Protein backbone atom coordinates (compact mmCIF):
# COMPACT_ATOMS: atom_id res chain seq x y z
CA MET A 1 -30.82 -17.07 33.81
CA THR A 2 -30.16 -13.60 35.89
CA GLU A 3 -26.68 -11.85 35.62
CA ASN A 4 -25.33 -10.27 38.74
CA SER A 5 -23.71 -6.90 38.61
CA GLY A 6 -25.86 -4.67 37.28
CA ASN A 7 -26.46 -7.33 34.16
CA SER A 8 -29.88 -7.65 32.55
CA THR A 9 -32.44 -10.86 32.90
CA SER A 10 -32.43 -12.74 30.18
CA ASN A 11 -34.91 -15.65 29.20
CA ILE A 12 -32.65 -17.83 26.87
CA THR A 13 -31.80 -20.71 28.88
CA SER A 14 -28.61 -22.65 29.53
CA ARG A 15 -29.06 -24.93 26.49
CA GLY A 16 -29.38 -21.95 24.60
CA GLN A 17 -26.48 -20.37 25.47
CA TRP A 18 -24.40 -24.13 24.85
CA MET A 19 -26.00 -23.92 21.09
CA ALA A 20 -25.01 -20.30 20.65
CA LEU A 21 -21.53 -20.93 21.82
CA ALA A 22 -21.06 -24.24 19.89
CA ALA A 23 -22.45 -22.72 16.57
CA ALA A 24 -19.81 -19.50 16.83
CA LEU A 25 -17.14 -22.16 17.94
CA LEU A 26 -17.70 -24.35 14.68
CA GLY A 27 -18.10 -21.61 12.71
CA TRP A 28 -15.12 -20.16 13.28
CA LEU A 29 -13.11 -23.52 13.59
CA PHE A 30 -14.13 -23.87 9.70
CA ASP A 31 -12.95 -20.26 8.86
CA GLY A 32 -9.74 -20.90 10.37
CA ALA A 33 -9.59 -24.32 8.84
CA GLU A 34 -10.56 -22.27 4.95
CA MET A 35 -7.94 -19.56 5.76
CA GLY A 36 -5.28 -22.36 6.33
CA LEU A 37 -6.34 -24.78 3.51
CA PHE A 38 -5.24 -22.11 0.88
CA SER A 39 -1.88 -21.55 2.32
CA LEU A 40 -1.45 -25.26 2.24
CA VAL A 41 -2.67 -26.17 -1.59
CA GLY A 42 -2.84 -22.40 -3.28
CA ARG A 43 0.37 -22.87 -4.78
CA PRO A 44 -0.11 -26.39 -6.29
CA ALA A 45 -3.35 -25.36 -7.49
CA ILE A 46 -2.28 -22.31 -9.49
CA LEU A 47 0.62 -24.52 -11.00
CA ASN A 48 -1.80 -27.14 -11.83
CA LEU A 49 -4.34 -24.68 -13.45
CA LEU A 50 -1.50 -22.93 -15.55
CA ILE A 51 0.11 -26.00 -16.91
CA ASP A 52 -3.64 -27.36 -18.15
CA GLY A 53 -4.08 -23.78 -19.36
CA GLY A 54 -1.26 -24.59 -21.92
CA MET A 55 1.39 -22.60 -20.26
CA ALA A 56 5.36 -24.52 -20.26
CA LYS A 57 5.87 -25.67 -16.72
CA GLU A 58 8.98 -23.19 -16.30
CA ALA A 59 6.94 -20.22 -17.26
CA ALA A 60 4.28 -21.48 -15.05
CA GLU A 61 6.29 -21.88 -11.92
CA ALA A 62 7.46 -18.05 -12.51
CA GLN A 63 4.16 -17.02 -12.46
CA VAL A 64 3.03 -19.09 -9.42
CA GLY A 65 4.18 -16.39 -6.76
CA PRO A 66 2.77 -13.46 -7.95
CA LEU A 67 -0.76 -14.81 -8.84
CA PHE A 68 -0.65 -16.63 -5.30
CA GLY A 69 -0.09 -13.33 -3.94
CA LEU A 70 -2.94 -11.80 -5.93
CA VAL A 71 -5.33 -14.63 -4.98
CA LEU A 72 -4.54 -13.67 -1.51
CA ALA A 73 -5.12 -10.00 -1.42
CA GLY A 74 -8.73 -10.70 -3.23
CA PHE A 75 -9.38 -12.90 -0.47
CA LEU A 76 -8.39 -10.45 2.43
CA VAL A 77 -10.09 -7.59 0.58
CA GLY A 78 -13.42 -10.02 0.27
CA ALA A 79 -13.17 -10.53 4.03
CA ALA A 80 -12.78 -6.88 4.44
CA THR A 81 -15.96 -6.23 2.55
CA GLY A 82 -17.94 -9.60 3.61
CA GLY A 83 -17.35 -8.15 7.37
CA VAL A 84 -19.14 -5.15 6.64
CA LEU A 85 -21.92 -6.63 4.23
CA PHE A 86 -22.56 -9.59 7.04
CA GLY A 87 -22.42 -7.34 9.59
CA TRP A 88 -24.81 -5.10 8.11
CA LEU A 89 -26.84 -7.93 7.52
CA GLY A 90 -26.91 -9.08 11.02
CA ASP A 91 -28.08 -6.13 12.51
CA ARG A 92 -30.73 -5.81 10.10
CA ILE A 93 -32.34 -9.21 9.75
CA GLY A 94 -30.74 -11.40 13.04
CA ARG A 95 -27.62 -12.58 13.92
CA VAL A 96 -28.41 -16.49 13.54
CA ARG A 97 -30.01 -16.18 10.03
CA ALA A 98 -27.19 -13.78 8.82
CA MET A 99 -24.67 -16.40 10.17
CA SER A 100 -26.47 -19.02 8.27
CA LEU A 101 -26.14 -16.99 5.28
CA SER A 102 -22.07 -16.48 5.53
CA VAL A 103 -21.44 -19.79 6.36
CA ILE A 104 -23.10 -21.53 3.51
CA THR A 105 -21.60 -18.62 1.20
CA TYR A 106 -17.80 -19.56 2.40
CA ALA A 107 -18.76 -23.09 2.28
CA VAL A 108 -20.09 -23.65 -0.99
CA PHE A 109 -17.53 -21.37 -2.86
CA THR A 110 -14.85 -23.06 -1.31
CA GLY A 111 -15.93 -26.44 -2.43
CA LEU A 112 -16.74 -24.69 -6.41
CA CYS A 113 -12.70 -23.70 -6.36
CA GLY A 114 -12.29 -27.67 -6.52
CA PHE A 115 -13.86 -27.41 -10.00
CA ALA A 116 -12.07 -24.26 -11.12
CA LYS A 117 -10.64 -24.03 -14.94
CA SER A 118 -8.41 -20.97 -14.40
CA ALA A 119 -6.27 -19.11 -11.83
CA GLU A 120 -8.83 -16.12 -12.31
CA GLN A 121 -11.71 -18.45 -11.51
CA ILE A 122 -10.27 -19.42 -8.19
CA ALA A 123 -9.36 -15.66 -7.67
CA ALA A 124 -13.32 -14.86 -8.02
CA LEU A 125 -14.17 -17.87 -6.25
CA ARG A 126 -12.06 -17.24 -3.28
CA PHE A 127 -13.07 -13.74 -3.01
CA ILE A 128 -16.86 -14.44 -2.34
CA ALA A 129 -16.38 -17.29 0.14
CA ALA A 130 -13.85 -14.56 1.67
CA LEU A 131 -17.28 -12.58 1.81
CA GLY A 132 -18.82 -15.21 4.15
CA MET A 133 -15.64 -15.64 6.36
CA GLY A 134 -15.42 -12.07 7.20
CA GLY A 135 -19.02 -11.96 8.02
CA GLU A 136 -19.03 -15.10 10.31
CA TRP A 137 -16.83 -13.57 13.08
CA SER A 138 -18.52 -10.80 14.12
CA LEU A 139 -21.97 -12.41 13.61
CA GLY A 140 -20.62 -15.04 16.14
CA VAL A 141 -18.92 -12.90 18.50
CA ALA A 142 -22.10 -10.31 18.72
CA LEU A 143 -24.35 -13.42 19.03
CA VAL A 144 -22.22 -15.10 21.89
CA MET A 145 -21.61 -11.92 23.88
CA GLU A 146 -25.37 -11.07 24.09
CA VAL A 147 -26.76 -14.32 25.06
CA TRP A 148 -23.61 -15.38 27.48
CA PRO A 149 -23.53 -12.89 30.74
CA ASN A 150 -20.87 -10.68 31.46
CA ARG A 151 -18.79 -12.33 33.65
CA SER A 152 -18.06 -15.30 30.69
CA ARG A 153 -16.80 -13.11 28.14
CA ALA A 154 -13.22 -13.26 28.83
CA LEU A 155 -13.51 -17.05 28.66
CA MET A 156 -15.98 -16.85 25.79
CA ALA A 157 -13.66 -14.77 23.82
CA GLY A 158 -10.66 -16.86 24.48
CA LEU A 159 -12.76 -20.02 23.00
CA ILE A 160 -13.76 -17.73 20.09
CA GLY A 161 -10.36 -16.98 19.14
CA ALA A 162 -8.92 -20.48 19.67
CA ALA A 163 -11.39 -22.41 17.65
CA ALA A 164 -10.07 -20.51 14.26
CA ASN A 165 -6.40 -22.04 15.32
CA VAL A 166 -7.68 -25.47 15.97
CA GLY A 167 -9.43 -25.57 12.32
CA TYR A 168 -5.58 -23.79 11.07
CA LEU A 169 -4.06 -27.22 13.16
CA LEU A 170 -6.64 -29.75 11.47
CA VAL A 171 -5.65 -28.39 8.08
CA GLY A 172 -1.95 -28.84 8.89
CA VAL A 173 -2.89 -32.67 10.34
CA LEU A 174 -5.07 -33.28 7.02
CA GLY A 175 -2.32 -32.28 5.04
CA LEU A 176 -0.02 -34.40 6.49
CA VAL A 177 -2.43 -37.65 6.38
CA LEU A 178 -3.08 -36.78 2.58
CA ALA A 179 0.53 -36.57 1.78
CA ASN A 180 0.87 -40.03 3.29
CA VAL A 181 -2.06 -41.44 1.58
CA LEU A 182 -2.30 -39.52 -1.46
CA HIS A 183 -0.30 -42.36 -3.89
CA ARG A 184 -3.37 -44.65 -2.80
CA MET A 185 -6.11 -41.99 -3.02
CA GLU A 186 -6.74 -42.39 -6.97
CA ASP A 187 -7.62 -46.53 -6.18
CA TRP A 188 -9.93 -45.65 -3.39
CA LEU A 189 -11.60 -43.53 -5.77
CA LEU A 190 -11.97 -45.81 -8.41
CA ALA A 191 -13.19 -48.32 -5.76
CA VAL A 192 -16.10 -46.13 -5.08
CA GLY A 193 -17.12 -45.98 -8.75
CA LEU A 194 -15.36 -42.73 -10.18
CA SER A 195 -13.96 -42.71 -13.59
CA ALA A 196 -10.37 -43.37 -14.23
CA GLU A 197 -10.15 -39.73 -15.46
CA TRP A 198 -11.81 -38.06 -12.30
CA SER A 199 -9.72 -40.17 -10.02
CA LYS A 200 -6.66 -38.76 -11.59
CA TYR A 201 -7.91 -35.48 -12.03
CA LEU A 202 -8.73 -35.39 -8.61
CA VAL A 203 -5.61 -36.50 -6.94
CA ALA A 204 -2.96 -34.05 -9.46
CA TYR A 205 -0.74 -31.81 -7.73
CA SER A 206 -1.28 -32.65 -4.16
CA GLY A 207 -4.63 -33.77 -4.24
CA TRP A 208 -5.73 -29.82 -4.11
CA ARG A 209 -9.04 -30.19 -5.42
CA ILE A 210 -10.12 -32.91 -2.83
CA MET A 211 -9.19 -30.23 0.10
CA MET A 212 -11.04 -27.77 -1.85
CA LEU A 213 -14.24 -29.77 -1.98
CA MET A 214 -13.86 -30.75 1.60
CA GLY A 215 -14.42 -27.27 2.31
CA THR A 216 -18.10 -27.64 1.85
CA LEU A 217 -18.74 -29.59 5.18
CA PRO A 218 -19.72 -26.16 7.04
CA ALA A 219 -22.65 -26.12 5.02
CA LEU A 220 -24.26 -28.56 6.93
CA LEU A 221 -23.58 -25.83 10.04
CA THR A 222 -26.48 -24.44 8.19
CA PHE A 223 -29.17 -26.59 9.27
CA PHE A 224 -28.05 -26.66 12.93
CA PHE A 225 -27.84 -23.06 13.25
CA ARG A 226 -31.62 -22.82 12.11
CA LEU A 227 -32.85 -25.51 13.94
CA PHE A 228 -31.23 -25.27 17.46
CA VAL A 229 -29.56 -21.73 18.05
CA PRO A 230 -31.89 -19.04 19.50
CA GLU A 231 -31.54 -15.58 18.48
CA SER A 232 -30.10 -12.87 20.59
CA GLU A 233 -32.76 -11.17 23.00
CA LYS A 234 -30.70 -8.06 22.64
CA TRP A 235 -31.25 -7.54 18.72
CA GLU A 236 -34.91 -9.02 19.26
CA GLN A 237 -35.50 -5.81 21.71
CA GLU A 238 -33.98 -3.71 19.31
CA LYS A 239 -36.51 -4.96 16.63
CA SER A 240 -39.48 -4.60 18.82
CA ARG A 241 -38.48 -1.16 19.04
CA GLY A 242 -38.32 -0.48 15.48
CA THR A 243 -34.41 0.32 15.43
CA THR A 244 -33.52 -2.55 12.97
CA SER A 245 -35.71 -0.95 10.09
CA ASN A 246 -33.27 2.00 10.10
CA TRP A 247 -30.63 -0.07 8.00
CA GLN A 248 -31.54 0.46 4.12
CA THR A 249 -30.72 -1.54 1.56
CA ARG A 250 -29.75 1.45 -0.67
CA ASP A 251 -27.17 1.92 1.71
CA LEU A 252 -25.27 -0.80 0.65
CA PHE A 253 -24.26 1.13 -2.68
CA GLY A 254 -21.80 2.30 -0.39
CA VAL A 255 -19.88 -0.90 0.80
CA LEU A 256 -19.76 -1.29 -3.16
CA LEU A 257 -17.98 1.64 -4.03
CA GLY A 258 -15.80 1.09 -0.83
CA ALA A 259 -14.64 -2.52 -2.20
CA ALA A 260 -13.31 -0.20 -5.23
CA GLY A 261 -10.52 1.25 -3.02
CA PRO A 262 -8.96 -2.16 -1.92
CA PHE A 263 -8.95 -3.36 -5.44
CA LEU A 264 -6.99 -0.10 -6.43
CA ILE A 265 -4.12 -0.85 -3.81
CA ILE A 266 -4.00 -4.27 -5.00
CA VAL A 267 -3.38 -2.92 -8.71
CA VAL A 268 -0.75 -0.21 -7.59
CA TRP A 269 0.96 -3.15 -5.48
CA SER A 270 0.99 -5.65 -8.00
CA GLN A 271 4.03 -6.71 -10.09
CA GLN A 272 2.08 -5.99 -13.36
CA PHE A 273 1.54 -2.62 -12.94
CA ALA A 274 4.98 -1.91 -12.13
CA ALA A 275 5.93 -3.73 -15.60
CA LYS A 276 2.94 -1.47 -17.18
CA THR A 277 4.46 1.49 -15.93
CA LEU A 278 7.79 0.82 -17.36
CA GLU A 279 6.26 -0.01 -20.81
CA TRP A 280 4.41 3.36 -20.67
CA GLY A 281 8.34 5.02 -20.12
CA LEU A 282 7.62 6.01 -16.44
CA SER A 283 11.12 5.50 -14.37
CA GLU A 284 11.17 3.19 -11.48
CA GLY A 285 11.56 6.31 -9.11
CA ALA A 286 8.19 7.23 -10.22
CA ILE A 287 6.52 3.92 -9.44
CA VAL A 288 6.79 4.37 -5.41
CA PRO A 289 4.75 7.99 -5.44
CA ILE A 290 2.38 6.60 -7.78
CA ARG A 291 1.80 3.41 -5.32
CA LEU A 292 1.49 5.75 -2.26
CA PHE A 293 -0.91 8.02 -3.76
CA GLY A 294 -3.18 4.85 -5.06
CA THR A 295 -2.65 3.32 -1.53
CA LEU A 296 -3.86 6.75 0.34
CA LEU A 297 -6.68 6.95 -2.22
CA GLY A 298 -7.82 3.39 -2.01
CA LEU A 299 -8.06 3.69 1.94
CA GLY A 300 -9.84 7.00 1.64
CA VAL A 301 -12.68 5.37 -0.69
CA ALA A 302 -12.70 1.84 1.39
CA THR A 303 -13.31 3.99 4.61
CA ALA A 304 -15.75 6.42 3.23
CA GLY A 305 -17.68 3.50 1.65
CA TYR A 306 -17.56 0.96 4.49
CA ILE A 307 -18.79 3.41 7.28
CA PHE A 308 -21.52 4.64 5.12
CA PRO A 309 -24.02 2.44 6.46
CA VAL A 310 -23.34 3.21 9.70
CA VAL A 311 -23.42 7.07 9.25
CA GLN A 312 -26.70 6.54 7.42
CA PHE A 313 -28.24 4.50 10.04
CA LEU A 314 -27.41 6.36 12.90
CA LYS A 315 -28.56 9.70 11.29
CA ARG A 316 -32.06 8.12 11.08
CA VAL A 317 -32.19 7.03 14.53
CA GLN A 318 -31.12 10.36 15.60
CA ALA A 319 -33.76 11.72 13.39
CA GLY A 320 -36.46 9.25 14.44
CA SER A 321 -35.93 9.88 18.36
CA GLY A 322 -36.94 13.74 17.97
CA ALA A 323 -33.46 14.98 19.12
CA ALA A 324 -33.68 18.63 18.71
CA SER A 325 -31.52 19.84 15.66
CA ASP A 326 -28.54 21.66 17.61
CA ALA A 327 -28.24 18.33 19.69
CA PRO A 328 -24.97 16.49 19.71
CA SER A 329 -24.45 14.04 17.08
CA THR A 330 -24.04 10.44 18.11
CA VAL A 331 -22.21 9.77 14.60
CA THR A 332 -18.91 11.11 15.23
CA PRO A 333 -18.09 9.50 18.51
CA VAL A 334 -19.12 6.04 17.13
CA ILE A 335 -17.08 6.72 13.92
CA ARG A 336 -14.14 7.48 15.91
CA ARG A 337 -14.35 3.97 17.63
CA MET A 338 -14.93 2.22 14.82
CA LEU A 339 -11.47 3.77 13.17
CA LEU A 340 -9.62 3.63 16.26
CA ALA A 341 -10.94 0.07 16.59
CA ALA A 342 -9.97 -0.97 12.62
CA CYS A 343 -6.35 0.41 13.47
CA LEU A 344 -5.92 -1.60 16.56
CA SER A 345 -7.07 -5.07 14.53
CA GLY A 346 -4.94 -3.83 11.75
CA VAL A 347 -1.68 -4.27 13.94
CA ALA A 348 -2.86 -7.45 14.90
CA LEU A 349 -3.47 -8.48 10.89
CA LEU A 350 -0.66 -6.90 9.52
CA GLY A 351 1.83 -8.52 12.49
CA THR A 352 0.15 -11.94 11.51
CA TRP A 353 0.18 -11.68 7.75
CA GLY A 354 3.45 -9.98 7.57
CA SER A 355 5.38 -12.40 9.94
CA THR A 356 4.37 -16.08 11.23
CA GLN A 357 2.08 -16.27 8.19
CA TRP A 358 5.61 -16.83 6.07
CA ILE A 359 7.17 -19.10 8.46
CA PRO A 360 5.78 -22.42 6.94
CA THR A 361 6.74 -20.85 3.70
CA TRP A 362 10.39 -20.08 5.10
CA ALA A 363 10.54 -23.75 6.43
CA SER A 364 9.70 -25.23 3.35
CA LEU A 365 12.56 -23.01 1.62
CA LEU A 366 15.09 -24.31 4.47
CA ALA A 367 14.24 -27.64 3.97
CA LYS A 368 14.65 -27.33 0.22
CA GLU A 369 18.34 -26.03 0.74
CA GLY A 370 19.00 -28.71 2.89
CA GLN A 371 19.26 -26.60 6.24
CA PHE A 372 18.51 -28.92 9.15
CA VAL A 373 19.77 -29.47 12.46
CA ASP A 374 21.90 -32.94 12.94
CA GLY A 375 19.06 -35.58 12.79
CA TRP A 376 16.11 -33.71 11.52
CA ALA A 377 16.87 -34.03 7.73
CA GLU A 378 14.05 -36.69 7.58
CA THR A 379 11.50 -34.84 9.86
CA GLY A 380 12.42 -31.68 7.38
CA LYS A 381 10.48 -33.36 4.63
CA ALA A 382 7.33 -32.02 6.22
CA ALA A 383 8.70 -28.83 7.51
CA LYS A 384 5.61 -26.56 6.19
CA GLU A 385 3.36 -28.96 7.78
CA TYR A 386 5.11 -29.25 11.14
CA SER A 387 5.56 -25.38 11.37
CA GLN A 388 1.89 -24.84 10.60
CA MET A 389 0.79 -27.33 13.42
CA CYS A 390 3.09 -25.72 16.26
CA SER A 391 2.38 -22.27 15.01
CA ALA A 392 -1.29 -23.29 15.45
CA LEU A 393 -0.98 -24.78 18.97
CA GLY A 394 0.65 -21.81 20.11
CA ALA A 395 -2.02 -19.74 18.74
CA ILE A 396 -4.85 -21.80 20.57
CA ILE A 397 -3.08 -21.14 23.84
CA GLY A 398 -2.45 -17.48 23.24
CA THR A 399 -5.75 -16.60 22.45
CA ILE A 400 -7.22 -18.17 25.43
CA LEU A 401 -4.63 -16.74 27.33
CA ALA A 402 -4.80 -13.23 26.15
CA ALA A 403 -8.45 -13.12 26.93
CA LEU A 404 -8.01 -13.96 30.60
CA ALA A 405 -5.22 -11.36 30.78
CA GLY A 406 -7.48 -8.81 29.22
CA ASP A 407 -10.10 -9.41 32.01
CA LYS A 408 -7.65 -9.77 34.67
CA PHE A 409 -5.00 -6.64 33.93
CA GLY A 410 -7.12 -4.38 31.68
CA ARG A 411 -8.04 -4.25 28.06
CA ARG A 412 -5.46 -1.90 27.62
CA SER A 413 -2.44 -2.93 29.32
CA ALA A 414 -2.81 -6.59 28.18
CA TYR A 415 -2.91 -5.34 24.49
CA CYS A 416 0.32 -3.48 24.94
CA GLY A 417 1.94 -6.28 26.41
CA MET A 418 1.20 -8.46 23.73
CA CYS A 419 2.31 -6.20 21.19
CA LEU A 420 5.57 -6.23 23.29
CA LEU A 421 6.01 -10.26 23.26
CA SER A 422 4.81 -10.50 19.72
CA LEU A 423 7.75 -8.16 18.66
CA ALA A 424 10.37 -10.16 20.98
CA SER A 425 9.04 -13.27 19.68
CA VAL A 426 9.11 -12.69 16.20
CA LEU A 427 12.68 -11.12 16.22
CA TRP A 428 13.82 -14.34 17.98
CA MET A 429 12.43 -16.80 15.39
CA PHE A 430 13.57 -14.71 12.21
CA GLN A 431 16.91 -13.74 13.67
CA GLY A 432 17.70 -16.07 15.82
CA HIS A 433 17.66 -19.21 13.46
CA THR A 434 18.79 -20.40 10.08
CA LYS A 435 18.16 -24.08 10.50
CA PHE A 436 15.06 -26.42 10.78
CA GLY A 437 14.93 -28.13 14.38
CA PRO A 438 13.31 -28.46 17.70
CA SER A 439 14.49 -24.26 18.36
CA PHE A 440 12.91 -23.38 15.01
CA LEU A 441 9.60 -25.18 16.22
CA LEU A 442 9.83 -23.98 19.55
CA ALA A 443 10.29 -20.58 18.30
CA THR A 444 7.50 -21.05 15.88
CA PHE A 445 4.98 -22.05 18.58
CA LEU A 446 6.18 -18.83 20.85
CA SER A 447 5.83 -16.40 17.58
CA GLY A 448 2.62 -18.10 17.00
CA GLY A 449 0.74 -17.73 20.00
CA MET A 450 1.90 -14.54 20.93
CA THR A 451 1.07 -12.79 17.49
CA ALA A 452 -2.32 -14.73 17.46
CA SER A 453 -2.78 -13.55 20.92
CA PHE A 454 -4.98 -10.52 19.44
CA TYR A 455 -7.90 -12.72 18.48
CA GLY A 456 -8.82 -13.65 21.91
CA TRP A 457 -8.46 -10.15 22.98
CA LEU A 458 -10.39 -8.69 20.15
CA PRO A 459 -13.57 -10.64 20.86
CA LEU A 460 -13.51 -9.61 23.91
CA TYR A 461 -13.18 -6.05 23.54
CA LEU A 462 -14.66 -5.01 20.49
CA PRO A 463 -18.67 -5.82 21.58
CA GLU A 464 -17.96 -3.93 24.59
CA ILE A 465 -17.69 -0.44 22.76
CA PHE A 466 -20.33 -0.78 20.23
CA GLY A 467 -23.95 -0.78 21.02
CA THR A 468 -26.32 -3.69 20.16
CA LYS A 469 -28.10 -1.78 17.24
CA PHE A 470 -24.90 -1.65 15.30
CA ARG A 471 -22.64 -4.13 17.33
CA ALA A 472 -22.49 -6.17 14.48
CA THR A 473 -21.56 -3.60 11.52
CA GLY A 474 -18.90 -2.08 13.92
CA GLN A 475 -17.39 -5.34 15.06
CA GLY A 476 -17.45 -6.19 11.29
CA PHE A 477 -15.80 -3.23 9.79
CA SER A 478 -13.22 -2.67 12.77
CA PHE A 479 -11.82 -6.16 12.88
CA ASN A 480 -11.65 -6.76 8.90
CA PHE A 481 -10.57 -3.36 7.73
CA GLY A 482 -6.99 -4.14 8.60
CA ARG A 483 -7.00 -7.13 6.23
CA ILE A 484 -6.82 -4.16 3.23
CA LEU A 485 -3.52 -3.14 4.84
CA ALA A 486 -2.54 -6.79 4.80
CA ALA A 487 -3.39 -7.28 1.14
CA ILE A 488 -0.63 -4.82 0.42
CA GLY A 489 1.98 -7.28 2.26
CA THR A 490 0.60 -10.43 0.36
CA LEU A 491 1.36 -8.66 -2.93
CA GLN A 492 5.04 -8.23 -1.85
CA ALA A 493 5.63 -12.01 -1.64
CA GLY A 494 8.32 -11.86 -4.32
CA LEU A 495 10.52 -9.21 -2.39
CA LEU A 496 10.41 -11.36 0.64
CA ALA A 497 12.71 -13.81 -1.15
CA THR A 498 15.14 -11.09 -2.55
CA ALA A 499 15.56 -8.72 0.41
CA LYS A 500 19.73 -9.06 1.13
CA PRO A 501 21.05 -9.12 4.78
CA GLN A 502 21.36 -5.35 6.53
CA VAL A 503 23.77 -4.04 9.11
CA ILE A 504 21.39 -1.92 11.58
CA PHE A 505 23.07 -0.67 14.99
CA GLY A 506 25.57 -3.20 14.59
CA HIS A 507 23.92 -5.99 14.05
CA GLU A 508 23.89 -7.81 10.92
CA PHE A 509 20.18 -9.07 10.29
CA ALA A 510 19.57 -12.09 8.22
CA GLY A 511 17.96 -11.25 4.65
CA GLY A 512 15.22 -12.91 2.60
CA TYR A 513 12.24 -13.73 4.73
CA PRO A 514 13.60 -13.06 8.21
CA LEU A 515 14.60 -9.33 7.32
CA ALA A 516 11.31 -9.01 5.70
CA CYS A 517 9.18 -10.66 8.25
CA SER A 518 11.40 -8.89 11.19
CA THR A 519 10.98 -5.11 9.59
CA MET A 520 7.25 -5.97 9.68
CA SER A 521 6.98 -7.15 13.23
CA LEU A 522 7.72 -2.94 13.98
CA ILE A 523 3.95 -2.90 13.46
CA TYR A 524 3.69 -3.87 17.15
CA VAL A 525 5.11 -0.50 18.35
CA VAL A 526 2.49 1.65 16.83
CA GLY A 527 0.00 -0.89 18.56
CA MET A 528 1.82 0.29 21.92
CA LEU A 529 1.33 3.55 21.41
CA LEU A 530 -2.21 3.40 19.67
CA ILE A 531 -4.13 1.39 22.23
CA TRP A 532 -3.70 4.41 25.06
CA ALA A 533 -6.29 6.31 22.49
CA VAL A 534 -9.07 4.31 23.27
CA PRO A 535 -11.54 3.77 26.41
CA GLU A 536 -10.97 0.87 29.14
CA THR A 537 -13.92 -1.09 29.46
CA LYS A 538 -12.56 -3.69 32.33
CA GLY A 539 -16.10 -4.42 34.43
CA GLN A 540 -18.31 -2.85 32.39
CA PRO A 541 -21.44 -4.54 31.31
CA LEU A 542 -22.39 -4.75 27.51
CA PRO A 543 -23.80 -1.71 26.31
CA GLU A 544 -27.02 -1.54 25.50
């Protein structure tokens, strides 16, 4: 197949292109489903494990929030680490083989969560599963963009972004279905031969174990990858030149050390750390500077560790090319792009995890308090599930439109516009609604679409600023590094419900979730400024 406008010739057939696209879409769809899965069943899962561990119900309920935040934070750190780890693997052994390993990692360890005996086991298993989830994105994007012609990149990027939100939507639908049939599920399990003990065990606490076990289904994709998906010819060419041998396993020790940085951040921002500092005789005022220092130190360690393999790789490539000792280094420009791209991704991730991810929880809280529009009390019983579905529907549309907008108006203009619209939609969502009803769901749809639009833009832009030899690693770092900052927000879940109303510029902002999420949405202002520091790539071929 021959591309136009200066693109290179590829021997990959049309069937091979569609197989690669199907593999990436299915992988990212299940990624989205896995991410939405724990948001739906994580709280009942932790409550179940605490009570089974001998804790009184009242005490267990008080511990659910902090532990849920810790598990989510560990998941985000795992995804950030996995983005670099599996990205490195994709550049070293090939996109397809690495993608197979990433999918089977998140599938198997998500399924194992269904057999967990403690919250600590859930946290550990979710961390390992997240390694695979973080890696699958960069690998799928690299593969698709390298086997499809340049003129198709915008549509491919939009479809990849939409696929994750289809998975998120499916989890919401599955949650509704399971809620309606759960009372009969135990009888069905008995009918297929399971013991009464196991049947009761699986359906307890909203059937969270069944939902986790269903997470093993993506493991079947690994066979599909190996049998039908062609490897990227661009990567094969790099391998034939011997470039891929410059990725050395010993460099992964840097990634291992880098992961210690985010864990330090989790520790200093946890409620347990705050309690310990008070026990040690420190004042509450001392906690803030300690947290700020720990955060800066953790970010420094993570940055140095995660980019270490790329720095070493580029040095080896430059040395192997016989470049003169006084020749300009290729390391600095690449690392600068990685850091800028990580900041752009960080804006998107912080905006999502700090605002729209809390909408289903807020909807559930409004439902418990009886805050419904007239005639919506019955629908409000499933406020959380309906909110998740509306947000996902908006995100599916938003990601496709964002990628197409980037292709039409330019990468930088589109990103700036997405930041502005995301800010406006989140403020309307959280400051314009106090009851669950039609307007609430419309706002959920719009804010979900706008804040998720970046996940259609990023698969379009990131492959365009990294060469083939380090594309998967560069993308893996850039997309996932923002999850470390997002992890800090998840640890402050308890503060969201206690924030009091504030009067700002004469306007009273509602407290609790509305105030906290509205405040987090201001990160989009940073994005509107930062985007002009990166290169415009509209109309340019994918770099070699």
